[in-house]
PDBML (XML) file of the C-alpha atoms, coordinates in Angstrom:
<?xml version="1.0" encoding="UTF-8" ?>
<PDBx:datablock datablockName="MODEL"
   xmlns:PDBx="http://pdbml.pdb.org/schema/pdbx-v50.xsd"
   xmlns:xsi="http://www.w3.org/2001/XMLSchema-instance"
   xsi:schemaLocation="http://pdbml.pdb.org/schema/pdbx-v50.xsd pdbx-v50.xsd">
   <PDBx:atom_siteCategory>
      <PDBx:atom_site id="1">
         <PDBx:B_iso_or_equiv>0.00</PDBx:B_iso_or_equiv>
         <PDBx:Cartn_x>-2.277</PDBx:Cartn_x>
         <PDBx:Cartn_y>7.436</PDBx:Cartn_y>
         <PDBx:Cartn_z>-10.792</PDBx:Cartn_z>
         <PDBx:auth_asym_id>A</PDBx:auth_asym_id>
         <PDBx:auth_atom_id>CA</PDBx:auth_atom_id>
         <PDBx:auth_comp_id>UNK</PDBx:auth_comp_id>
         <PDBx:auth_seq_id>1</PDBx:auth_seq_id>
         <PDBx:group_PDB>ATOM</PDBx:group_PDB>
         <PDBx:label_alt_id xsi:nil="true" />
         <PDBx:label_asym_id>A</PDBx:label_asym_id>
         <PDBx:label_atom_id>CA</PDBx:label_atom_id>
         <PDBx:label_comp_id>UNK</PDBx:label_comp_id>
         <PDBx:label_entity_id>1</PDBx:label_entity_id>
         <PDBx:label_seq_id>1</PDBx:label_seq_id>
         <PDBx:occupancy>1.00</PDBx:occupancy>
         <PDBx:pdbx_PDB_model_num>1</PDBx:pdbx_PDB_model_num>
         <PDBx:type_symbol>C</PDBx:type_symbol>
      </PDBx:atom_site>
      <PDBx:atom_site id="2">
         <PDBx:B_iso_or_equiv>0.00</PDBx:B_iso_or_equiv>
         <PDBx:Cartn_x>-4.687</PDBx:Cartn_x>
         <PDBx:Cartn_y>5.698</PDBx:Cartn_y>
         <PDBx:Cartn_z>-8.415</PDBx:Cartn_z>
         <PDBx:auth_asym_id>A</PDBx:auth_asym_id>
         <PDBx:auth_atom_id>CA</PDBx:auth_atom_id>
         <PDBx:auth_comp_id>UNK</PDBx:auth_comp_id>
         <PDBx:auth_seq_id>2</PDBx:auth_seq_id>
         <PDBx:group_PDB>ATOM</PDBx:group_PDB>
         <PDBx:label_alt_id xsi:nil="true" />
         <PDBx:label_asym_id>A</PDBx:label_asym_id>
         <PDBx:label_atom_id>CA</PDBx:label_atom_id>
         <PDBx:label_comp_id>UNK</PDBx:label_comp_id>
         <PDBx:label_entity_id>1</PDBx:label_entity_id>
         <PDBx:label_seq_id>2</PDBx:label_seq_id>
         <PDBx:occupancy>1.00</PDBx:occupancy>
         <PDBx:pdbx_PDB_model_num>1</PDBx:pdbx_PDB_model_num>
         <PDBx:type_symbol>C</PDBx:type_symbol>
      </PDBx:atom_site>
      <PDBx:atom_site id="3">
         <PDBx:B_iso_or_equiv>0.00</PDBx:B_iso_or_equiv>
         <PDBx:Cartn_x>-2.859</PDBx:Cartn_x>
         <PDBx:Cartn_y>2.369</PDBx:Cartn_y>
         <PDBx:Cartn_z>-8.764</PDBx:Cartn_z>
         <PDBx:auth_asym_id>A</PDBx:auth_asym_id>
         <PDBx:auth_atom_id>CA</PDBx:auth_atom_id>
         <PDBx:auth_comp_id>UNK</PDBx:auth_comp_id>
         <PDBx:auth_seq_id>3</PDBx:auth_seq_id>
         <PDBx:group_PDB>ATOM</PDBx:group_PDB>
         <PDBx:label_alt_id xsi:nil="true" />
         <PDBx:label_asym_id>A</PDBx:label_asym_id>
         <PDBx:label_atom_id>CA</PDBx:label_atom_id>
         <PDBx:label_comp_id>UNK</PDBx:label_comp_id>
         <PDBx:label_entity_id>1</PDBx:label_entity_id>
         <PDBx:label_seq_id>3</PDBx:label_seq_id>
         <PDBx:occupancy>1.00</PDBx:occupancy>
         <PDBx:pdbx_PDB_model_num>1</PDBx:pdbx_PDB_model_num>
         <PDBx:type_symbol>C</PDBx:type_symbol>
      </PDBx:atom_site>
      <PDBx:atom_site id="4">
         <PDBx:B_iso_or_equiv>0.00</PDBx:B_iso_or_equiv>
         <PDBx:Cartn_x>0.566</PDBx:Cartn_x>
         <PDBx:Cartn_y>4.006</PDBx:Cartn_y>
         <PDBx:Cartn_z>-8.432</PDBx:Cartn_z>
         <PDBx:auth_asym_id>A</PDBx:auth_asym_id>
         <PDBx:auth_atom_id>CA</PDBx:auth_atom_id>
         <PDBx:auth_comp_id>UNK</PDBx:auth_comp_id>
         <PDBx:auth_seq_id>4</PDBx:auth_seq_id>
         <PDBx:group_PDB>ATOM</PDBx:group_PDB>
         <PDBx:label_alt_id xsi:nil="true" />
         <PDBx:label_asym_id>A</PDBx:label_asym_id>
         <PDBx:label_atom_id>CA</PDBx:label_atom_id>
         <PDBx:label_comp_id>UNK</PDBx:label_comp_id>
         <PDBx:label_entity_id>1</PDBx:label_entity_id>
         <PDBx:label_seq_id>4</PDBx:label_seq_id>
         <PDBx:occupancy>1.00</PDBx:occupancy>
         <PDBx:pdbx_PDB_model_num>1</PDBx:pdbx_PDB_model_num>
         <PDBx:type_symbol>C</PDBx:type_symbol>
      </PDBx:atom_site>
      <PDBx:atom_site id="5">
         <PDBx:B_iso_or_equiv>0.00</PDBx:B_iso_or_equiv>
         <PDBx:Cartn_x>-0.505</PDBx:Cartn_x>
         <PDBx:Cartn_y>5.875</PDBx:Cartn_y>
         <PDBx:Cartn_z>-5.275</PDBx:Cartn_z>
         <PDBx:auth_asym_id>A</PDBx:auth_asym_id>
         <PDBx:auth_atom_id>CA</PDBx:auth_atom_id>
         <PDBx:auth_comp_id>UNK</PDBx:auth_comp_id>
         <PDBx:auth_seq_id>5</PDBx:auth_seq_id>
         <PDBx:group_PDB>ATOM</PDBx:group_PDB>
         <PDBx:label_alt_id xsi:nil="true" />
         <PDBx:label_asym_id>A</PDBx:label_asym_id>
         <PDBx:label_atom_id>CA</PDBx:label_atom_id>
         <PDBx:label_comp_id>UNK</PDBx:label_comp_id>
         <PDBx:label_entity_id>1</PDBx:label_entity_id>
         <PDBx:label_seq_id>5</PDBx:label_seq_id>
         <PDBx:occupancy>1.00</PDBx:occupancy>
         <PDBx:pdbx_PDB_model_num>1</PDBx:pdbx_PDB_model_num>
         <PDBx:type_symbol>C</PDBx:type_symbol>
      </PDBx:atom_site>
      <PDBx:atom_site id="6">
         <PDBx:B_iso_or_equiv>0.00</PDBx:B_iso_or_equiv>
         <PDBx:Cartn_x>-1.913</PDBx:Cartn_x>
         <PDBx:Cartn_y>2.760</PDBx:Cartn_y>
         <PDBx:Cartn_z>-3.616</PDBx:Cartn_z>
         <PDBx:auth_asym_id>A</PDBx:auth_asym_id>
         <PDBx:auth_atom_id>CA</PDBx:auth_atom_id>
         <PDBx:auth_comp_id>UNK</PDBx:auth_comp_id>
         <PDBx:auth_seq_id>6</PDBx:auth_seq_id>
         <PDBx:group_PDB>ATOM</PDBx:group_PDB>
         <PDBx:label_alt_id xsi:nil="true" />
         <PDBx:label_asym_id>A</PDBx:label_asym_id>
         <PDBx:label_atom_id>CA</PDBx:label_atom_id>
         <PDBx:label_comp_id>UNK</PDBx:label_comp_id>
         <PDBx:label_entity_id>1</PDBx:label_entity_id>
         <PDBx:label_seq_id>6</PDBx:label_seq_id>
         <PDBx:occupancy>1.00</PDBx:occupancy>
         <PDBx:pdbx_PDB_model_num>1</PDBx:pdbx_PDB_model_num>
         <PDBx:type_symbol>C</PDBx:type_symbol>
      </PDBx:atom_site>
      <PDBx:atom_site id="7">
         <PDBx:B_iso_or_equiv>0.00</PDBx:B_iso_or_equiv>
         <PDBx:Cartn_x>1.031</PDBx:Cartn_x>
         <PDBx:Cartn_y>0.543</PDBx:Cartn_y>
         <PDBx:Cartn_z>-4.627</PDBx:Cartn_z>
         <PDBx:auth_asym_id>A</PDBx:auth_asym_id>
         <PDBx:auth_atom_id>CA</PDBx:auth_atom_id>
         <PDBx:auth_comp_id>UNK</PDBx:auth_comp_id>
         <PDBx:auth_seq_id>7</PDBx:auth_seq_id>
         <PDBx:group_PDB>ATOM</PDBx:group_PDB>
         <PDBx:label_alt_id xsi:nil="true" />
         <PDBx:label_asym_id>A</PDBx:label_asym_id>
         <PDBx:label_atom_id>CA</PDBx:label_atom_id>
         <PDBx:label_comp_id>UNK</PDBx:label_comp_id>
         <PDBx:label_entity_id>1</PDBx:label_entity_id>
         <PDBx:label_seq_id>7</PDBx:label_seq_id>
         <PDBx:occupancy>1.00</PDBx:occupancy>
         <PDBx:pdbx_PDB_model_num>1</PDBx:pdbx_PDB_model_num>
         <PDBx:type_symbol>C</PDBx:type_symbol>
      </PDBx:atom_site>
      <PDBx:atom_site id="8">
         <PDBx:B_iso_or_equiv>0.00</PDBx:B_iso_or_equiv>
         <PDBx:Cartn_x>3.571</PDBx:Cartn_x>
         <PDBx:Cartn_y>3.115</PDBx:Cartn_y>
         <PDBx:Cartn_z>-3.433</PDBx:Cartn_z>
         <PDBx:auth_asym_id>A</PDBx:auth_asym_id>
         <PDBx:auth_atom_id>CA</PDBx:auth_atom_id>
         <PDBx:auth_comp_id>UNK</PDBx:auth_comp_id>
         <PDBx:auth_seq_id>8</PDBx:auth_seq_id>
         <PDBx:group_PDB>ATOM</PDBx:group_PDB>
         <PDBx:label_alt_id xsi:nil="true" />
         <PDBx:label_asym_id>A</PDBx:label_asym_id>
         <PDBx:label_atom_id>CA</PDBx:label_atom_id>
         <PDBx:label_comp_id>UNK</PDBx:label_comp_id>
         <PDBx:label_entity_id>1</PDBx:label_entity_id>
         <PDBx:label_seq_id>8</PDBx:label_seq_id>
         <PDBx:occupancy>1.00</PDBx:occupancy>
         <PDBx:pdbx_PDB_model_num>1</PDBx:pdbx_PDB_model_num>
         <PDBx:type_symbol>C</PDBx:type_symbol>
      </PDBx:atom_site>
      <PDBx:atom_site id="9">
         <PDBx:B_iso_or_equiv>0.00</PDBx:B_iso_or_equiv>
         <PDBx:Cartn_x>1.803</PDBx:Cartn_x>
         <PDBx:Cartn_y>3.505</PDBx:Cartn_y>
         <PDBx:Cartn_z>-0.059</PDBx:Cartn_z>
         <PDBx:auth_asym_id>A</PDBx:auth_asym_id>
         <PDBx:auth_atom_id>CA</PDBx:auth_atom_id>
         <PDBx:auth_comp_id>UNK</PDBx:auth_comp_id>
         <PDBx:auth_seq_id>9</PDBx:auth_seq_id>
         <PDBx:group_PDB>ATOM</PDBx:group_PDB>
         <PDBx:label_alt_id xsi:nil="true" />
         <PDBx:label_asym_id>A</PDBx:label_asym_id>
         <PDBx:label_atom_id>CA</PDBx:label_atom_id>
         <PDBx:label_comp_id>UNK</PDBx:label_comp_id>
         <PDBx:label_entity_id>1</PDBx:label_entity_id>
         <PDBx:label_seq_id>9</PDBx:label_seq_id>
         <PDBx:occupancy>1.00</PDBx:occupancy>
         <PDBx:pdbx_PDB_model_num>1</PDBx:pdbx_PDB_model_num>
         <PDBx:type_symbol>C</PDBx:type_symbol>
      </PDBx:atom_site>
      <PDBx:atom_site id="10">
         <PDBx:B_iso_or_equiv>0.00</PDBx:B_iso_or_equiv>
         <PDBx:Cartn_x>1.687</PDBx:Cartn_x>
         <PDBx:Cartn_y>-0.269</PDBx:Cartn_y>
         <PDBx:Cartn_z>0.404</PDBx:Cartn_z>
         <PDBx:auth_asym_id>A</PDBx:auth_asym_id>
         <PDBx:auth_atom_id>CA</PDBx:auth_atom_id>
         <PDBx:auth_comp_id>UNK</PDBx:auth_comp_id>
         <PDBx:auth_seq_id>10</PDBx:auth_seq_id>
         <PDBx:group_PDB>ATOM</PDBx:group_PDB>
         <PDBx:label_alt_id xsi:nil="true" />
         <PDBx:label_asym_id>A</PDBx:label_asym_id>
         <PDBx:label_atom_id>CA</PDBx:label_atom_id>
         <PDBx:label_comp_id>UNK</PDBx:label_comp_id>
         <PDBx:label_entity_id>1</PDBx:label_entity_id>
         <PDBx:label_seq_id>10</PDBx:label_seq_id>
         <PDBx:occupancy>1.00</PDBx:occupancy>
         <PDBx:pdbx_PDB_model_num>1</PDBx:pdbx_PDB_model_num>
         <PDBx:type_symbol>C</PDBx:type_symbol>
      </PDBx:atom_site>
      <PDBx:atom_site id="11">
         <PDBx:B_iso_or_equiv>0.00</PDBx:B_iso_or_equiv>
         <PDBx:Cartn_x>5.311</PDBx:Cartn_x>
         <PDBx:Cartn_y>-0.730</PDBx:Cartn_y>
         <PDBx:Cartn_z>-0.709</PDBx:Cartn_z>
         <PDBx:auth_asym_id>A</PDBx:auth_asym_id>
         <PDBx:auth_atom_id>CA</PDBx:auth_atom_id>
         <PDBx:auth_comp_id>UNK</PDBx:auth_comp_id>
         <PDBx:auth_seq_id>11</PDBx:auth_seq_id>
         <PDBx:group_PDB>ATOM</PDBx:group_PDB>
         <PDBx:label_alt_id xsi:nil="true" />
         <PDBx:label_asym_id>A</PDBx:label_asym_id>
         <PDBx:label_atom_id>CA</PDBx:label_atom_id>
         <PDBx:label_comp_id>UNK</PDBx:label_comp_id>
         <PDBx:label_entity_id>1</PDBx:label_entity_id>
         <PDBx:label_seq_id>11</PDBx:label_seq_id>
         <PDBx:occupancy>1.00</PDBx:occupancy>
         <PDBx:pdbx_PDB_model_num>1</PDBx:pdbx_PDB_model_num>
         <PDBx:type_symbol>C</PDBx:type_symbol>
      </PDBx:atom_site>
      <PDBx:atom_site id="12">
         <PDBx:B_iso_or_equiv>0.00</PDBx:B_iso_or_equiv>
         <PDBx:Cartn_x>6.465</PDBx:Cartn_x>
         <PDBx:Cartn_y>1.985</PDBx:Cartn_y>
         <PDBx:Cartn_z>1.723</PDBx:Cartn_z>
         <PDBx:auth_asym_id>A</PDBx:auth_asym_id>
         <PDBx:auth_atom_id>CA</PDBx:auth_atom_id>
         <PDBx:auth_comp_id>UNK</PDBx:auth_comp_id>
         <PDBx:auth_seq_id>12</PDBx:auth_seq_id>
         <PDBx:group_PDB>ATOM</PDBx:group_PDB>
         <PDBx:label_alt_id xsi:nil="true" />
         <PDBx:label_asym_id>A</PDBx:label_asym_id>
         <PDBx:label_atom_id>CA</PDBx:label_atom_id>
         <PDBx:label_comp_id>UNK</PDBx:label_comp_id>
         <PDBx:label_entity_id>1</PDBx:label_entity_id>
         <PDBx:label_seq_id>12</PDBx:label_seq_id>
         <PDBx:occupancy>1.00</PDBx:occupancy>
         <PDBx:pdbx_PDB_model_num>1</PDBx:pdbx_PDB_model_num>
         <PDBx:type_symbol>C</PDBx:type_symbol>
      </PDBx:atom_site>
      <PDBx:atom_site id="13">
         <PDBx:B_iso_or_equiv>0.00</PDBx:B_iso_or_equiv>
         <PDBx:Cartn_x>4.590</PDBx:Cartn_x>
         <PDBx:Cartn_y>0.310</PDBx:Cartn_y>
         <PDBx:Cartn_z>4.571</PDBx:Cartn_z>
         <PDBx:auth_asym_id>A</PDBx:auth_asym_id>
         <PDBx:auth_atom_id>CA</PDBx:auth_atom_id>
         <PDBx:auth_comp_id>UNK</PDBx:auth_comp_id>
         <PDBx:auth_seq_id>13</PDBx:auth_seq_id>
         <PDBx:group_PDB>ATOM</PDBx:group_PDB>
         <PDBx:label_alt_id xsi:nil="true" />
         <PDBx:label_asym_id>A</PDBx:label_asym_id>
         <PDBx:label_atom_id>CA</PDBx:label_atom_id>
         <PDBx:label_comp_id>UNK</PDBx:label_comp_id>
         <PDBx:label_entity_id>1</PDBx:label_entity_id>
         <PDBx:label_seq_id>13</PDBx:label_seq_id>
         <PDBx:occupancy>1.00</PDBx:occupancy>
         <PDBx:pdbx_PDB_model_num>1</PDBx:pdbx_PDB_model_num>
         <PDBx:type_symbol>C</PDBx:type_symbol>
      </PDBx:atom_site>
      <PDBx:atom_site id="14">
         <PDBx:B_iso_or_equiv>0.00</PDBx:B_iso_or_equiv>
         <PDBx:Cartn_x>5.975</PDBx:Cartn_x>
         <PDBx:Cartn_y>-3.134</PDBx:Cartn_y>
         <PDBx:Cartn_z>3.738</PDBx:Cartn_z>
         <PDBx:auth_asym_id>A</PDBx:auth_asym_id>
         <PDBx:auth_atom_id>CA</PDBx:auth_atom_id>
         <PDBx:auth_comp_id>UNK</PDBx:auth_comp_id>
         <PDBx:auth_seq_id>14</PDBx:auth_seq_id>
         <PDBx:group_PDB>ATOM</PDBx:group_PDB>
         <PDBx:label_alt_id xsi:nil="true" />
         <PDBx:label_asym_id>A</PDBx:label_asym_id>
         <PDBx:label_atom_id>CA</PDBx:label_atom_id>
         <PDBx:label_comp_id>UNK</PDBx:label_comp_id>
         <PDBx:label_entity_id>1</PDBx:label_entity_id>
         <PDBx:label_seq_id>14</PDBx:label_seq_id>
         <PDBx:occupancy>1.00</PDBx:occupancy>
         <PDBx:pdbx_PDB_model_num>1</PDBx:pdbx_PDB_model_num>
         <PDBx:type_symbol>C</PDBx:type_symbol>
      </PDBx:atom_site>
      <PDBx:atom_site id="15">
         <PDBx:B_iso_or_equiv>0.00</PDBx:B_iso_or_equiv>
         <PDBx:Cartn_x>9.501</PDBx:Cartn_x>
         <PDBx:Cartn_y>-1.666</PDBx:Cartn_y>
         <PDBx:Cartn_z>3.539</PDBx:Cartn_z>
         <PDBx:auth_asym_id>A</PDBx:auth_asym_id>
         <PDBx:auth_atom_id>CA</PDBx:auth_atom_id>
         <PDBx:auth_comp_id>UNK</PDBx:auth_comp_id>
         <PDBx:auth_seq_id>15</PDBx:auth_seq_id>
         <PDBx:group_PDB>ATOM</PDBx:group_PDB>
         <PDBx:label_alt_id xsi:nil="true" />
         <PDBx:label_asym_id>A</PDBx:label_asym_id>
         <PDBx:label_atom_id>CA</PDBx:label_atom_id>
         <PDBx:label_comp_id>UNK</PDBx:label_comp_id>
         <PDBx:label_entity_id>1</PDBx:label_entity_id>
         <PDBx:label_seq_id>15</PDBx:label_seq_id>
         <PDBx:occupancy>1.00</PDBx:occupancy>
         <PDBx:pdbx_PDB_model_num>1</PDBx:pdbx_PDB_model_num>
         <PDBx:type_symbol>C</PDBx:type_symbol>
      </PDBx:atom_site>
      <PDBx:atom_site id="16">
         <PDBx:B_iso_or_equiv>0.00</PDBx:B_iso_or_equiv>
         <PDBx:Cartn_x>8.967</PDBx:Cartn_x>
         <PDBx:Cartn_y>-0.392</PDBx:Cartn_y>
         <PDBx:Cartn_z>7.098</PDBx:Cartn_z>
         <PDBx:auth_asym_id>A</PDBx:auth_asym_id>
         <PDBx:auth_atom_id>CA</PDBx:auth_atom_id>
         <PDBx:auth_comp_id>UNK</PDBx:auth_comp_id>
         <PDBx:auth_seq_id>16</PDBx:auth_seq_id>
         <PDBx:group_PDB>ATOM</PDBx:group_PDB>
         <PDBx:label_alt_id xsi:nil="true" />
         <PDBx:label_asym_id>A</PDBx:label_asym_id>
         <PDBx:label_atom_id>CA</PDBx:label_atom_id>
         <PDBx:label_comp_id>UNK</PDBx:label_comp_id>
         <PDBx:label_entity_id>1</PDBx:label_entity_id>
         <PDBx:label_seq_id>16</PDBx:label_seq_id>
         <PDBx:occupancy>1.00</PDBx:occupancy>
         <PDBx:pdbx_PDB_model_num>1</PDBx:pdbx_PDB_model_num>
         <PDBx:type_symbol>C</PDBx:type_symbol>
      </PDBx:atom_site>
      <PDBx:atom_site id="17">
         <PDBx:B_iso_or_equiv>0.00</PDBx:B_iso_or_equiv>
         <PDBx:Cartn_x>7.913</PDBx:Cartn_x>
         <PDBx:Cartn_y>-3.876</PDBx:Cartn_y>
         <PDBx:Cartn_z>8.213</PDBx:Cartn_z>
         <PDBx:auth_asym_id>A</PDBx:auth_asym_id>
         <PDBx:auth_atom_id>CA</PDBx:auth_atom_id>
         <PDBx:auth_comp_id>UNK</PDBx:auth_comp_id>
         <PDBx:auth_seq_id>17</PDBx:auth_seq_id>
         <PDBx:group_PDB>ATOM</PDBx:group_PDB>
         <PDBx:label_alt_id xsi:nil="true" />
         <PDBx:label_asym_id>A</PDBx:label_asym_id>
         <PDBx:label_atom_id>CA</PDBx:label_atom_id>
         <PDBx:label_comp_id>UNK</PDBx:label_comp_id>
         <PDBx:label_entity_id>1</PDBx:label_entity_id>
         <PDBx:label_seq_id>17</PDBx:label_seq_id>
         <PDBx:occupancy>1.00</PDBx:occupancy>
         <PDBx:pdbx_PDB_model_num>1</PDBx:pdbx_PDB_model_num>
         <PDBx:type_symbol>C</PDBx:type_symbol>
      </PDBx:atom_site>
      <PDBx:atom_site id="18">
         <PDBx:B_iso_or_equiv>0.00</PDBx:B_iso_or_equiv>
         <PDBx:Cartn_x>4.256</PDBx:Cartn_x>
         <PDBx:Cartn_y>-2.875</PDBx:Cartn_y>
         <PDBx:Cartn_z>8.586</PDBx:Cartn_z>
         <PDBx:auth_asym_id>A</PDBx:auth_asym_id>
         <PDBx:auth_atom_id>CA</PDBx:auth_atom_id>
         <PDBx:auth_comp_id>UNK</PDBx:auth_comp_id>
         <PDBx:auth_seq_id>18</PDBx:auth_seq_id>
         <PDBx:group_PDB>ATOM</PDBx:group_PDB>
         <PDBx:label_alt_id xsi:nil="true" />
         <PDBx:label_asym_id>A</PDBx:label_asym_id>
         <PDBx:label_atom_id>CA</PDBx:label_atom_id>
         <PDBx:label_comp_id>UNK</PDBx:label_comp_id>
         <PDBx:label_entity_id>1</PDBx:label_entity_id>
         <PDBx:label_seq_id>18</PDBx:label_seq_id>
         <PDBx:occupancy>1.00</PDBx:occupancy>
         <PDBx:pdbx_PDB_model_num>1</PDBx:pdbx_PDB_model_num>
         <PDBx:type_symbol>C</PDBx:type_symbol>
      </PDBx:atom_site>
      <PDBx:atom_site id="19">
         <PDBx:B_iso_or_equiv>0.00</PDBx:B_iso_or_equiv>
         <PDBx:Cartn_x>1.316</PDBx:Cartn_x>
         <PDBx:Cartn_y>-5.010</PDBx:Cartn_y>
         <PDBx:Cartn_z>7.530</PDBx:Cartn_z>
         <PDBx:auth_asym_id>A</PDBx:auth_asym_id>
         <PDBx:auth_atom_id>CA</PDBx:auth_atom_id>
         <PDBx:auth_comp_id>UNK</PDBx:auth_comp_id>
         <PDBx:auth_seq_id>19</PDBx:auth_seq_id>
         <PDBx:group_PDB>ATOM</PDBx:group_PDB>
         <PDBx:label_alt_id xsi:nil="true" />
         <PDBx:label_asym_id>A</PDBx:label_asym_id>
         <PDBx:label_atom_id>CA</PDBx:label_atom_id>
         <PDBx:label_comp_id>UNK</PDBx:label_comp_id>
         <PDBx:label_entity_id>1</PDBx:label_entity_id>
         <PDBx:label_seq_id>19</PDBx:label_seq_id>
         <PDBx:occupancy>1.00</PDBx:occupancy>
         <PDBx:pdbx_PDB_model_num>1</PDBx:pdbx_PDB_model_num>
         <PDBx:type_symbol>C</PDBx:type_symbol>
      </PDBx:atom_site>
      <PDBx:atom_site id="20">
         <PDBx:B_iso_or_equiv>0.00</PDBx:B_iso_or_equiv>
         <PDBx:Cartn_x>-1.670</PDBx:Cartn_x>
         <PDBx:Cartn_y>-3.586</PDBx:Cartn_y>
         <PDBx:Cartn_z>5.672</PDBx:Cartn_z>
         <PDBx:auth_asym_id>A</PDBx:auth_asym_id>
         <PDBx:auth_atom_id>CA</PDBx:auth_atom_id>
         <PDBx:auth_comp_id>UNK</PDBx:auth_comp_id>
         <PDBx:auth_seq_id>20</PDBx:auth_seq_id>
         <PDBx:group_PDB>ATOM</PDBx:group_PDB>
         <PDBx:label_alt_id xsi:nil="true" />
         <PDBx:label_asym_id>A</PDBx:label_asym_id>
         <PDBx:label_atom_id>CA</PDBx:label_atom_id>
         <PDBx:label_comp_id>UNK</PDBx:label_comp_id>
         <PDBx:label_entity_id>1</PDBx:label_entity_id>
         <PDBx:label_seq_id>20</PDBx:label_seq_id>
         <PDBx:occupancy>1.00</PDBx:occupancy>
         <PDBx:pdbx_PDB_model_num>1</PDBx:pdbx_PDB_model_num>
         <PDBx:type_symbol>C</PDBx:type_symbol>
      </PDBx:atom_site>
      <PDBx:atom_site id="21">
         <PDBx:B_iso_or_equiv>0.00</PDBx:B_iso_or_equiv>
         <PDBx:Cartn_x>-5.380</PDBx:Cartn_x>
         <PDBx:Cartn_y>-4.351</PDBx:Cartn_y>
         <PDBx:Cartn_z>5.793</PDBx:Cartn_z>
         <PDBx:auth_asym_id>A</PDBx:auth_asym_id>
         <PDBx:auth_atom_id>CA</PDBx:auth_atom_id>
         <PDBx:auth_comp_id>UNK</PDBx:auth_comp_id>
         <PDBx:auth_seq_id>21</PDBx:auth_seq_id>
         <PDBx:group_PDB>ATOM</PDBx:group_PDB>
         <PDBx:label_alt_id xsi:nil="true" />
         <PDBx:label_asym_id>A</PDBx:label_asym_id>
         <PDBx:label_atom_id>CA</PDBx:label_atom_id>
         <PDBx:label_comp_id>UNK</PDBx:label_comp_id>
         <PDBx:label_entity_id>1</PDBx:label_entity_id>
         <PDBx:label_seq_id>21</PDBx:label_seq_id>
         <PDBx:occupancy>1.00</PDBx:occupancy>
         <PDBx:pdbx_PDB_model_num>1</PDBx:pdbx_PDB_model_num>
         <PDBx:type_symbol>C</PDBx:type_symbol>
      </PDBx:atom_site>
      <PDBx:atom_site id="22">
         <PDBx:B_iso_or_equiv>0.00</PDBx:B_iso_or_equiv>
         <PDBx:Cartn_x>-7.091</PDBx:Cartn_x>
         <PDBx:Cartn_y>-3.421</PDBx:Cartn_y>
         <PDBx:Cartn_z>2.528</PDBx:Cartn_z>
         <PDBx:auth_asym_id>A</PDBx:auth_asym_id>
         <PDBx:auth_atom_id>CA</PDBx:auth_atom_id>
         <PDBx:auth_comp_id>UNK</PDBx:auth_comp_id>
         <PDBx:auth_seq_id>22</PDBx:auth_seq_id>
         <PDBx:group_PDB>ATOM</PDBx:group_PDB>
         <PDBx:label_alt_id xsi:nil="true" />
         <PDBx:label_asym_id>A</PDBx:label_asym_id>
         <PDBx:label_atom_id>CA</PDBx:label_atom_id>
         <PDBx:label_comp_id>UNK</PDBx:label_comp_id>
         <PDBx:label_entity_id>1</PDBx:label_entity_id>
         <PDBx:label_seq_id>22</PDBx:label_seq_id>
         <PDBx:occupancy>1.00</PDBx:occupancy>
         <PDBx:pdbx_PDB_model_num>1</PDBx:pdbx_PDB_model_num>
         <PDBx:type_symbol>C</PDBx:type_symbol>
      </PDBx:atom_site>
      <PDBx:atom_site id="23">
         <PDBx:B_iso_or_equiv>0.00</PDBx:B_iso_or_equiv>
         <PDBx:Cartn_x>-10.547</PDBx:Cartn_x>
         <PDBx:Cartn_y>-3.484</PDBx:Cartn_y>
         <PDBx:Cartn_z>1.007</PDBx:Cartn_z>
         <PDBx:auth_asym_id>A</PDBx:auth_asym_id>
         <PDBx:auth_atom_id>CA</PDBx:auth_atom_id>
         <PDBx:auth_comp_id>UNK</PDBx:auth_comp_id>
         <PDBx:auth_seq_id>23</PDBx:auth_seq_id>
         <PDBx:group_PDB>ATOM</PDBx:group_PDB>
         <PDBx:label_alt_id xsi:nil="true" />
         <PDBx:label_asym_id>A</PDBx:label_asym_id>
         <PDBx:label_atom_id>CA</PDBx:label_atom_id>
         <PDBx:label_comp_id>UNK</PDBx:label_comp_id>
         <PDBx:label_entity_id>1</PDBx:label_entity_id>
         <PDBx:label_seq_id>23</PDBx:label_seq_id>
         <PDBx:occupancy>1.00</PDBx:occupancy>
         <PDBx:pdbx_PDB_model_num>1</PDBx:pdbx_PDB_model_num>
         <PDBx:type_symbol>C</PDBx:type_symbol>
      </PDBx:atom_site>
      <PDBx:atom_site id="24">
         <PDBx:B_iso_or_equiv>0.00</PDBx:B_iso_or_equiv>
         <PDBx:Cartn_x>-11.253</PDBx:Cartn_x>
         <PDBx:Cartn_y>-2.962</PDBx:Cartn_y>
         <PDBx:Cartn_z>-2.689</PDBx:Cartn_z>
         <PDBx:auth_asym_id>A</PDBx:auth_asym_id>
         <PDBx:auth_atom_id>CA</PDBx:auth_atom_id>
         <PDBx:auth_comp_id>UNK</PDBx:auth_comp_id>
         <PDBx:auth_seq_id>24</PDBx:auth_seq_id>
         <PDBx:group_PDB>ATOM</PDBx:group_PDB>
         <PDBx:label_alt_id xsi:nil="true" />
         <PDBx:label_asym_id>A</PDBx:label_asym_id>
         <PDBx:label_atom_id>CA</PDBx:label_atom_id>
         <PDBx:label_comp_id>UNK</PDBx:label_comp_id>
         <PDBx:label_entity_id>1</PDBx:label_entity_id>
         <PDBx:label_seq_id>24</PDBx:label_seq_id>
         <PDBx:occupancy>1.00</PDBx:occupancy>
         <PDBx:pdbx_PDB_model_num>1</PDBx:pdbx_PDB_model_num>
         <PDBx:type_symbol>C</PDBx:type_symbol>
      </PDBx:atom_site>
      <PDBx:atom_site id="25">
         <PDBx:B_iso_or_equiv>0.00</PDBx:B_iso_or_equiv>
         <PDBx:Cartn_x>-14.770</PDBx:Cartn_x>
         <PDBx:Cartn_y>-1.845</PDBx:Cartn_y>
         <PDBx:Cartn_z>-3.588</PDBx:Cartn_z>
         <PDBx:auth_asym_id>A</PDBx:auth_asym_id>
         <PDBx:auth_atom_id>CA</PDBx:auth_atom_id>
         <PDBx:auth_comp_id>UNK</PDBx:auth_comp_id>
         <PDBx:auth_seq_id>25</PDBx:auth_seq_id>
         <PDBx:group_PDB>ATOM</PDBx:group_PDB>
         <PDBx:label_alt_id xsi:nil="true" />
         <PDBx:label_asym_id>A</PDBx:label_asym_id>
         <PDBx:label_atom_id>CA</PDBx:label_atom_id>
         <PDBx:label_comp_id>UNK</PDBx:label_comp_id>
         <PDBx:label_entity_id>1</PDBx:label_entity_id>
         <PDBx:label_seq_id>25</PDBx:label_seq_id>
         <PDBx:occupancy>1.00</PDBx:occupancy>
         <PDBx:pdbx_PDB_model_num>1</PDBx:pdbx_PDB_model_num>
         <PDBx:type_symbol>C</PDBx:type_symbol>
      </PDBx:atom_site>
   </PDBx:atom_siteCategory>
</PDBx:datablock>
């Protein structure tokens, strides 16, 4: 569910033409 949430948020942003900065810790 963590991976799905993050991937969906990123996919939605990319679909809107946005770029994402991300850090994995």
